[in-house]
């Protein structure tokens, strides 16, 4: 089950809630009992050589393909 970061608008506390994706936007009460909260968007960053390497692989079309019986999905040119 996903974990979502939530911030209380009243006291500024940031906390986590663990719930199904279908309930991701349901209201959450902060540990201080306040109900005015907002779910934070996840932030993903890539820096340094990892980013450069990933960008080069995407441009070259040389990303690894998942190994499973169903293939990669629509539009994939791999042989699986």
PDB file of N, CA and C in Angstrom:
ATOM      1  N   UNK A   1       0.843  -1.172   0.000  1.00  0.00           N
ATOM      2  CA  UNK A   1       0.000   0.000   0.000  1.00  0.00           C
ATOM      3  C   UNK A   1       0.895   1.244   0.000  1.00  0.00           C
ATOM      4  N   UNK A   2       0.571   2.231  -0.819  1.00  0.00           N
ATOM      5  CA  UNK A   2       1.398   3.435  -0.908  1.00  0.00           C
ATOM      6  C   UNK A   2       1.374   4.276   0.362  1.00  0.00           C
ATOM      7  N   UNK A   3       2.458   4.983   0.560  1.00  0.00           N
ATOM      8  CA  UNK A   3       2.572   5.930   1.670  1.00  0.00           C
ATOM      9  C   UNK A   3       2.570   7.324   1.060  1.00  0.00           C
ATOM     10  N   UNK A   4       1.724   8.206   1.583  1.00  0.00           N
ATOM     11  CA  UNK A   4       1.604   9.565   1.069  1.00  0.00           C
ATOM     12  C   UNK A   4       2.064  10.561   2.132  1.00  0.00           C
ATOM     13  N   UNK A   5       2.780  11.593   1.698  1.00  0.00           N
ATOM     14  CA  UNK A   5       3.169  12.684   2.583  1.00  0.00           C
ATOM     15  C   UNK A   5       2.049  13.708   2.600  1.00  0.00           C
ATOM     16  N   UNK A   6       1.701  14.158   3.794  1.00  0.00           N
ATOM     17  CA  UNK A   6       0.619  15.116   3.974  1.00  0.00           C
ATOM     18  C   UNK A   6       1.127  16.239   4.873  1.00  0.00           C
ATOM     19  N   UNK A   7       0.711  17.465   4.585  1.00  0.00           N
ATOM     20  CA  UNK A   7       1.095  18.607   5.418  1.00  0.00           C
ATOM     21  C   UNK A   7      -0.164  19.266   5.967  1.00  0.00           C
ATOM     22  N   UNK A   8      -0.081  19.611   7.258  1.00  0.00           N
ATOM     23  CA  UNK A   8      -1.176  20.319   7.912  1.00  0.00           C
ATOM     24  C   UNK A   8      -1.029  21.806   7.619  1.00  0.00           C
ATOM     25  N   UNK A   9      -2.083  22.415   7.117  1.00  0.00           N
ATOM     26  CA  UNK A   9      -2.044  23.845   6.817  1.00  0.00           C
ATOM     27  C   UNK A   9      -2.148  24.689   8.083  1.00  0.00           C
ATOM     28  N   UNK A  10      -2.679  24.123   9.148  1.00  0.00           N
ATOM     29  CA  UNK A  10      -2.862  24.866  10.393  1.00  0.00           C
ATOM     30  C   UNK A  10      -1.566  24.976  11.186  1.00  0.00           C
ATOM     31  N   UNK A  11      -0.886  23.834  11.405  1.00  0.00           N
ATOM     32  CA  UNK A  11       0.316  23.856  12.260  1.00  0.00           C
ATOM     33  C   UNK A  11       1.613  23.622  11.490  1.00  0.00           C
ATOM     34  N   UNK A  12       1.533  23.237  10.197  1.00  0.00           N
ATOM     35  CA  UNK A  12       2.729  23.044   9.388  1.00  0.00           C
ATOM     36  C   UNK A  12       3.383  21.684   9.538  1.00  0.00           C
ATOM     37  N   UNK A  13       2.809  20.784  10.328  1.00  0.00           N
ATOM     38  CA  UNK A  13       3.364  19.449  10.521  1.00  0.00           C
ATOM     39  C   UNK A  13       3.255  18.641   9.231  1.00  0.00           C
ATOM     40  N   UNK A  14       4.327  17.929   8.885  1.00  0.00           N
ATOM     41  CA  UNK A  14       4.307  17.010   7.753  1.00  0.00           C
ATOM     42  C   UNK A  14       4.294  15.602   8.315  1.00  0.00           C
ATOM     43  N   UNK A  15       3.387  14.759   7.810  1.00  0.00           N
ATOM     44  CA  UNK A  15       3.263  13.393   8.313  1.00  0.00           C
ATOM     45  C   UNK A  15       2.909  12.470   7.160  1.00  0.00           C
ATOM     46  N   UNK A  16       2.939  11.167   7.411  1.00  0.00           N
ATOM     47  CA  UNK A  16       2.671  10.173   6.382  1.00  0.00           C
ATOM     48  C   UNK A  16       1.366   9.441   6.673  1.00  0.00           C
ATOM     49  N   UNK A  17       0.665   9.078   5.605  1.00  0.00           N
ATOM     50  CA  UNK A  17      -0.501   8.214   5.721  1.00  0.00           C
ATOM     51  C   UNK A  17      -0.330   7.042   4.768  1.00  0.00           C
ATOM     52  N   UNK A  18      -0.744   5.877   5.204  1.00  0.00           N
ATOM     53  CA  UNK A  18      -0.625   4.654   4.437  1.00  0.00           C
ATOM     54  C   UNK A  18      -2.042   4.236   4.052  1.00  0.00           C
ATOM     55  N   UNK A  19      -2.363   4.316   2.745  1.00  0.00           N
ATOM     56  CA  UNK A  19      -3.719   3.986   2.302  1.00  0.00           C
ATOM     57  C   UNK A  19      -3.702   3.558   0.845  1.00  0.00           C
ATOM     58  N   UNK A  20      -4.778   2.891   0.394  1.00  0.00           N
ATOM     59  CA  UNK A  20      -4.850   2.477  -1.010  1.00  0.00           C
ATOM     60  C   UNK A  20      -4.876   3.683  -1.948  1.00  0.00           C
ATOM     61  N   UNK A  21      -4.444   3.483  -3.184  1.00  0.00           N
ATOM     62  CA  UNK A  21      -4.419   4.571  -4.160  1.00  0.00           C
ATOM     63  C   UNK A  21      -5.814   5.150  -4.401  1.00  0.00           C
ATOM     64  N   UNK A  22      -6.836   4.322  -4.308  1.00  0.00           N
ATOM     65  CA  UNK A  22      -8.201   4.805  -4.524  1.00  0.00           C
ATOM     66  C   UNK A  22      -8.619   5.822  -3.467  1.00  0.00           C
ATOM     67  N   UNK A  23      -7.929   5.829  -2.316  1.00  0.00           N
ATOM     68  CA  UNK A  23      -8.258   6.762  -1.243  1.00  0.00           C
ATOM     69  C   UNK A  23      -7.158   7.803  -1.047  1.00  0.00           C
ATOM     70  N   UNK A  24      -6.292   7.997  -2.033  1.00  0.00           N
ATOM     71  CA  UNK A  24      -5.145   8.896  -1.911  1.00  0.00           C
ATOM     72  C   UNK A  24      -5.536  10.316  -1.543  1.00  0.00           C
ATOM     73  N   UNK A  25      -6.656  10.805  -2.066  1.00  0.00           N
ATOM     74  CA  UNK A  25      -7.065  12.186  -1.827  1.00  0.00           C
ATOM     75  C   UNK A  25      -8.081  12.351  -0.709  1.00  0.00           C
ATOM     76  N   UNK A  26      -8.365  11.270   0.013  1.00  0.00           N
ATOM     77  CA  UNK A  26      -9.280  11.384   1.155  1.00  0.00           C
ATOM     78  C   UNK A  26      -8.679  12.311   2.210  1.00  0.00           C
ATOM     79  N   UNK A  27      -9.513  12.997   2.970  1.00  0.00           N
ATOM     80  CA  UNK A  27      -9.000  13.877   4.029  1.00  0.00           C
ATOM     81  C   UNK A  27      -8.187  13.093   5.058  1.00  0.00           C
ATOM     82  N   UNK A  28      -7.184  13.742   5.602  1.00  0.00           N
ATOM     83  CA  UNK A  28      -6.352  13.134   6.646  1.00  0.00           C
ATOM     84  C   UNK A  28      -6.237  14.126   7.800  1.00  0.00           C
ATOM     85  N   UNK A  29      -6.407  13.638   9.016  1.00  0.00           N
ATOM     86  CA  UNK A  29      -6.289  14.480  10.205  1.00  0.00           C
ATOM     87  C   UNK A  29      -4.846  14.421  10.681  1.00  0.00           C
ATOM     88  N   UNK A  30      -4.238  15.587  10.955  1.00  0.00           N
ATOM     89  CA  UNK A  30      -2.843  15.620  11.406  1.00  0.00           C
ATOM     90  C   UNK A  30      -2.744  15.102  12.844  1.00  0.00           C
ATOM     91  N   UNK A  31      -1.530  14.744  13.290  1.00  0.00           N
ATOM     92  CA  UNK A  31      -1.347  14.265  14.656  1.00  0.00           C
ATOM     93  C   UNK A  31      -1.820  15.269  15.717  1.00  0.00           C
ATOM     94  N   UNK A  32      -1.860  16.549  15.374  1.00  0.00           N
ATOM     95  CA  UNK A  32      -2.341  17.572  16.309  1.00  0.00           C
ATOM     96  C   UNK A  32      -3.856  17.714  16.308  1.00  0.00           C
ATOM     97  N   UNK A  33      -4.558  16.927  15.468  1.00  0.00           N
ATOM     98  CA  UNK A  33      -6.005  16.949  15.432  1.00  0.00           C
ATOM     99  C   UNK A  33      -6.611  17.918  14.436  1.00  0.00           C
ATOM    100  N   UNK A  34      -5.777  18.608  13.670  1.00  0.00           N
ATOM    101  CA  UNK A  34      -6.292  19.559  12.670  1.00  0.00           C
ATOM    102  C   UNK A  34      -6.753  18.818  11.415  1.00  0.00           C
ATOM    103  N   UNK A  35      -7.791  19.327  10.802  1.00  0.00           N
ATOM    104  CA  UNK A  35      -8.340  18.676   9.614  1.00  0.00           C
ATOM    105  C   UNK A  35      -7.992  19.372   8.309  1.00  0.00           C
ATOM    106  N   UNK A  36      -7.398  20.553   8.357  1.00  0.00           N
ATOM    107  CA  UNK A  36      -7.042  21.291   7.141  1.00  0.00           C
ATOM    108  C   UNK A  36      -5.673  20.820   6.651  1.00  0.00           C
ATOM    109  N   UNK A  37      -5.669  19.730   5.871  1.00  0.00           N
ATOM    110  CA  UNK A  37      -4.420  19.129   5.398  1.00  0.00           C
ATOM    111  C   UNK A  37      -4.429  19.031   3.888  1.00  0.00           C
ATOM    112  N   UNK A  38      -3.249  18.859   3.314  1.00  0.00           N
ATOM    113  CA  UNK A  38      -3.093  18.723   1.872  1.00  0.00           C
ATOM    114  C   UNK A  38      -2.042  17.655   1.592  1.00  0.00           C
ATOM    115  N   UNK A  39      -2.321  16.809   0.593  1.00  0.00           N
ATOM    116  CA  UNK A  39      -1.355  15.771   0.211  1.00  0.00           C
ATOM    117  C   UNK A  39      -0.258  16.415  -0.619  1.00  0.00           C
ATOM    118  N   UNK A  40       0.991  16.106  -0.308  1.00  0.00           N
ATOM    119  CA  UNK A  40       2.136  16.650  -1.034  1.00  0.00           C
ATOM    120  C   UNK A  40       2.457  15.780  -2.235  1.00  0.00           C
ATOM    121  N   UNK A  41       2.898  16.393  -3.300  1.00  0.00           N
ATOM    122  CA  UNK A  41       3.301  15.646  -4.480  1.00  0.00           C
ATOM    123  C   UNK A  41       4.700  15.094  -4.278  1.00  0.00           C
ATOM    124  N   UNK A  42       4.938  13.847  -4.695  1.00  0.00           N
ATOM    125  CA  UNK A  42       6.275  13.282  -4.553  1.00  0.00           C
ATOM    126  C   UNK A  42       7.259  13.999  -5.474  1.00  0.00           C
ATOM    127  N   UNK A  43       8.485  14.143  -5.019  1.00  0.00           N
ATOM    128  CA  UNK A  43       9.530  14.791  -5.800  1.00  0.00           C
ATOM    129  C   UNK A  43      10.633  13.780  -6.057  1.00  0.00           C
ATOM    130  N   UNK A  44      10.971  13.605  -7.322  1.00  0.00           N
ATOM    131  CA  UNK A  44      12.042  12.694  -7.705  1.00  0.00           C
ATOM    132  C   UNK A  44      13.066  13.500  -8.480  1.00  0.00           C
ATOM    133  N   UNK A  45      14.309  13.412  -8.068  1.00  0.00           N
ATOM    134  CA  UNK A  45      15.365  14.123  -8.790  1.00  0.00           C
ATOM    135  C   UNK A  45      16.486  13.158  -9.142  1.00  0.00           C
ATOM    136  N   UNK A  46      17.149  13.467 -10.221  1.00  0.00           N
ATOM    137  CA  UNK A  46      18.333  12.711 -10.622  1.00  0.00           C
ATOM    138  C   UNK A  46      19.446  13.724 -10.829  1.00  0.00           C
ATOM    139  N   UNK A  47      20.592  13.412 -10.289  1.00  0.00           N
ATOM    140  CA  UNK A  47      21.718  14.322 -10.428  1.00  0.00           C
ATOM    141  C   UNK A  47      22.953  13.568 -10.890  1.00  0.00           C
ATOM    142  N   UNK A  48      23.913  14.310 -11.353  1.00  0.00           N
ATOM    143  CA  UNK A  48      25.225  13.770 -11.659  1.00  0.00           C
ATOM    144  C   UNK A  48      25.232  12.735 -12.772  1.00  0.00           C
ATOM    145  N   UNK A  49      26.102  11.735 -12.608  1.00  0.00           N
ATOM    146  CA  UNK A  49      26.303  10.733 -13.647  1.00  0.00           C
ATOM    147  C   UNK A  49      25.079   9.862 -13.866  1.00  0.00           C
ATOM    148  N   UNK A  50      24.304   9.613 -12.827  1.00  0.00           N
ATOM    149  CA  UNK A  50      23.112   8.786 -12.995  1.00  0.00           C
ATOM    150  C   UNK A  50      22.161   9.433 -13.986  1.00  0.00           C
ATOM    151  N   UNK A  51      21.969  10.727 -13.870  1.00  0.00           N
ATOM    152  CA  UNK A  51      21.072  11.441 -14.786  1.00  0.00           C
ATOM    153  C   UNK A  51      21.625  11.408 -16.208  1.00  0.00           C
ATOM    154  N   UNK A  52      22.892  11.709 -16.371  1.00  0.00           N
ATOM    155  CA  UNK A  52      23.497  11.733 -17.696  1.00  0.00           C
ATOM    156  C   UNK A  52      23.405  10.367 -18.362  1.00  0.00           C
ATOM    157  N   UNK A  53      23.655   9.321 -17.595  1.00  0.00           N
ATOM    158  CA  UNK A  53      23.598   7.967 -18.132  1.00  0.00           C
ATOM    159  C   UNK A  53      22.182   7.613 -18.561  1.00  0.00           C
ATOM    160  N   UNK A  54      21.186   7.946 -17.741  1.00  0.00           N
ATOM    161  CA  UNK A  54      19.796   7.637 -18.065  1.00  0.00           C
ATOM    162  C   UNK A  54      19.348   8.402 -19.302  1.00  0.00           C
ATOM    163  N   UNK A  55      19.713   9.662 -19.406  1.00  0.00           N
ATOM    164  CA  UNK A  55      19.325  10.466 -20.562  1.00  0.00           C
ATOM    165  C   UNK A  55      19.949   9.891 -21.826  1.00  0.00           C
ATOM    166  N   UNK A  56      21.208   9.490 -21.766  1.00  0.00           N
ATOM    167  CA  UNK A  56      21.869   8.921 -22.934  1.00  0.00           C
ATOM    168  C   UNK A  56      21.182   7.629 -23.359  1.00  0.00           C
ATOM    169  N   UNK A  57      20.784   6.787 -22.397  1.00  0.00           N
ATOM    170  CA  UNK A  57      20.123   5.526 -22.730  1.00  0.00           C
ATOM    171  C   UNK A  57      18.761   5.779 -23.372  1.00  0.00           C
ATOM    172  N   UNK A  58      18.028   6.756 -22.862  1.00  0.00           N
ATOM    173  CA  UNK A  58      16.720   7.068 -23.443  1.00  0.00           C
ATOM    174  C   UNK A  58      16.884   7.551 -24.875  1.00  0.00           C
ATOM    175  N   UNK A  59      17.835   8.432 -25.106  1.00  0.00           N
ATOM    176  CA  UNK A  59      18.052   8.960 -26.454  1.00  0.00           C
ATOM    177  C   UNK A  59      18.480   7.857 -27.417  1.00  0.00           C
ATOM    178  N   UNK A  60      19.256   6.899 -26.917  1.00  0.00           N
ATOM    179  CA  UNK A  60      19.745   5.820 -27.768  1.00  0.00           C
ATOM    180  C   UNK A  60      18.726   4.696 -27.913  1.00  0.00           C
ATOM    181  N   UNK A  61      17.648   4.732 -27.130  1.00  0.00           N
ATOM    182  CA  UNK A  61      16.666   3.658 -27.168  1.00  0.00           C
ATOM    183  C   UNK A  61      17.214   2.381 -26.583  1.00  0.00           C
ATOM    184  N   UNK A  62      18.148   2.499 -25.641  1.00  0.00           N
ATOM    185  CA  UNK A  62      18.864   1.348 -25.101  1.00  0.00           C
ATOM    186  C   UNK A  62      18.497   1.086 -23.639  1.00  0.00           C
ATOM    187  N   UNK A  63      17.228   1.203 -23.308  1.00  0.00           N
ATOM    188  CA  UNK A  63      16.820   0.923 -21.942  1.00  0.00           C
ATOM    189  C   UNK A  63      16.638  -0.570 -21.749  1.00  0.00           C
ATOM    190  N   UNK A  64      16.896  -1.090 -20.551  1.00  0.00           N
ATOM    191  CA  UNK A  64      16.686  -2.517 -20.307  1.00  0.00           C
ATOM    192  C   UNK A  64      15.190  -2.837 -20.360  1.00  0.00           C
ATOM    193  N   UNK A  65      14.863  -4.025 -20.849  1.00  0.00           N
ATOM    194  CA  UNK A  65      13.476  -4.448 -20.935  1.00  0.00           C
ATOM    195  C   UNK A  65      13.155  -5.387 -19.778  1.00  0.00           C
ATOM    196  N   UNK A  66      11.941  -5.330 -19.245  1.00  0.00           N
ATOM    197  CA  UNK A  66      11.582  -6.227 -18.155  1.00  0.00           C
ATOM    198  C   UNK A  66      11.567  -7.666 -18.643  1.00  0.00           C
ATOM    199  N   UNK A  67      11.944  -8.574 -17.766  1.00  0.00           N
ATOM    200  CA  UNK A  67      11.971  -9.986 -18.110  1.00  0.00           C
ATOM    201  C   UNK A  67      10.730 -10.633 -17.509  1.00  0.00           C
ATOM    202  N   UNK A  68       9.722 -10.828 -18.325  1.00  0.00           N
ATOM    203  CA  UNK A  68       8.510 -11.516 -17.909  1.00  0.00           C
ATOM    204  C   UNK A  68       7.807 -12.027 -19.154  1.00  0.00           C
ATOM    205  N   UNK A  69       6.794 -12.822 -18.963  1.00  0.00           N
ATOM    206  CA  UNK A  69       6.172 -13.485 -20.109  1.00  0.00           C
ATOM    207  C   UNK A  69       5.294 -12.573 -20.949  1.00  0.00           C
ATOM    208  N   UNK A  70       4.909 -11.406 -20.437  1.00  0.00           N
ATOM    209  CA  UNK A  70       3.973 -10.568 -21.164  1.00  0.00           C
ATOM    210  C   UNK A  70       4.588  -9.557 -22.097  1.00  0.00           C
ATOM    211  N   UNK A  71       5.887  -9.517 -22.230  1.00  0.00           N
ATOM    212  CA  UNK A  71       6.527  -8.495 -23.060  1.00  0.00           C
ATOM    213  C   UNK A  71       6.509  -7.139 -22.384  1.00  0.00           C
ATOM    214  N   UNK A  72       6.940  -6.129 -23.072  1.00  0.00           N
ATOM    215  CA  UNK A  72       7.054  -4.790 -22.496  1.00  0.00           C
ATOM    216  C   UNK A  72       5.780  -3.965 -22.619  1.00  0.00           C
ATOM    217  N   UNK A  73       4.887  -4.344 -23.490  1.00  0.00           N
ATOM    218  CA  UNK A  73       3.669  -3.568 -23.658  1.00  0.00           C
ATOM    219  C   UNK A  73       3.575  -2.964 -25.043  1.00  0.00           C
ATOM    220  N   UNK A  74       2.590  -2.145 -25.248  1.00  0.00           N
ATOM    221  CA  UNK A  74       2.333  -1.547 -26.555  1.00  0.00           C
ATOM    222  C   UNK A  74       3.491  -0.673 -27.000  1.00  0.00           C
ATOM    223  N   UNK A  75       3.848  -0.782 -28.248  1.00  0.00           N
ATOM    224  CA  UNK A  75       4.864   0.074 -28.832  1.00  0.00           C
ATOM    225  C   UNK A  75       6.302  -0.353 -28.588  1.00  0.00           C
ATOM    226  N   UNK A  76       6.512  -1.431 -27.880  1.00  0.00           N
ATOM    227  CA  UNK A  76       7.886  -1.859 -27.595  1.00  0.00           C
ATOM    228  C   UNK A  76       8.431  -2.639 -28.780  1.00  0.00           C
ATOM    229  N   UNK A  77       9.720  -2.446 -29.050  1.00  0.00           N
ATOM    230  CA  UNK A  77      10.345  -3.142 -30.165  1.00  0.00           C
ATOM    231  C   UNK A  77      11.232  -4.295 -29.715  1.00  0.00           C
ATOM    232  N   UNK A  78      11.106  -4.706 -28.465  1.00  0.00           N
ATOM    233  CA  UNK A  78      11.966  -5.815 -28.020  1.00  0.00           C
ATOM    234  C   UNK A  78      11.410  -7.145 -28.518  1.00  0.00           C
ATOM    235  N   UNK A  79      12.174  -8.181 -28.386  1.00  0.00           N
ATOM    236  CA  UNK A  79      11.812  -9.476 -28.929  1.00  0.00           C
ATOM    237  C   UNK A  79      11.037 -10.333 -27.952  1.00  0.00           C
ATOM    238  N   UNK A  80      10.643  -9.807 -26.800  1.00  0.00           N
ATOM    239  CA  UNK A  80       9.980 -10.674 -25.822  1.00  0.00           C
ATOM    240  C   UNK A  80       8.519 -10.885 -26.109  1.00  0.00           C
TER     241      UNK A  80
END
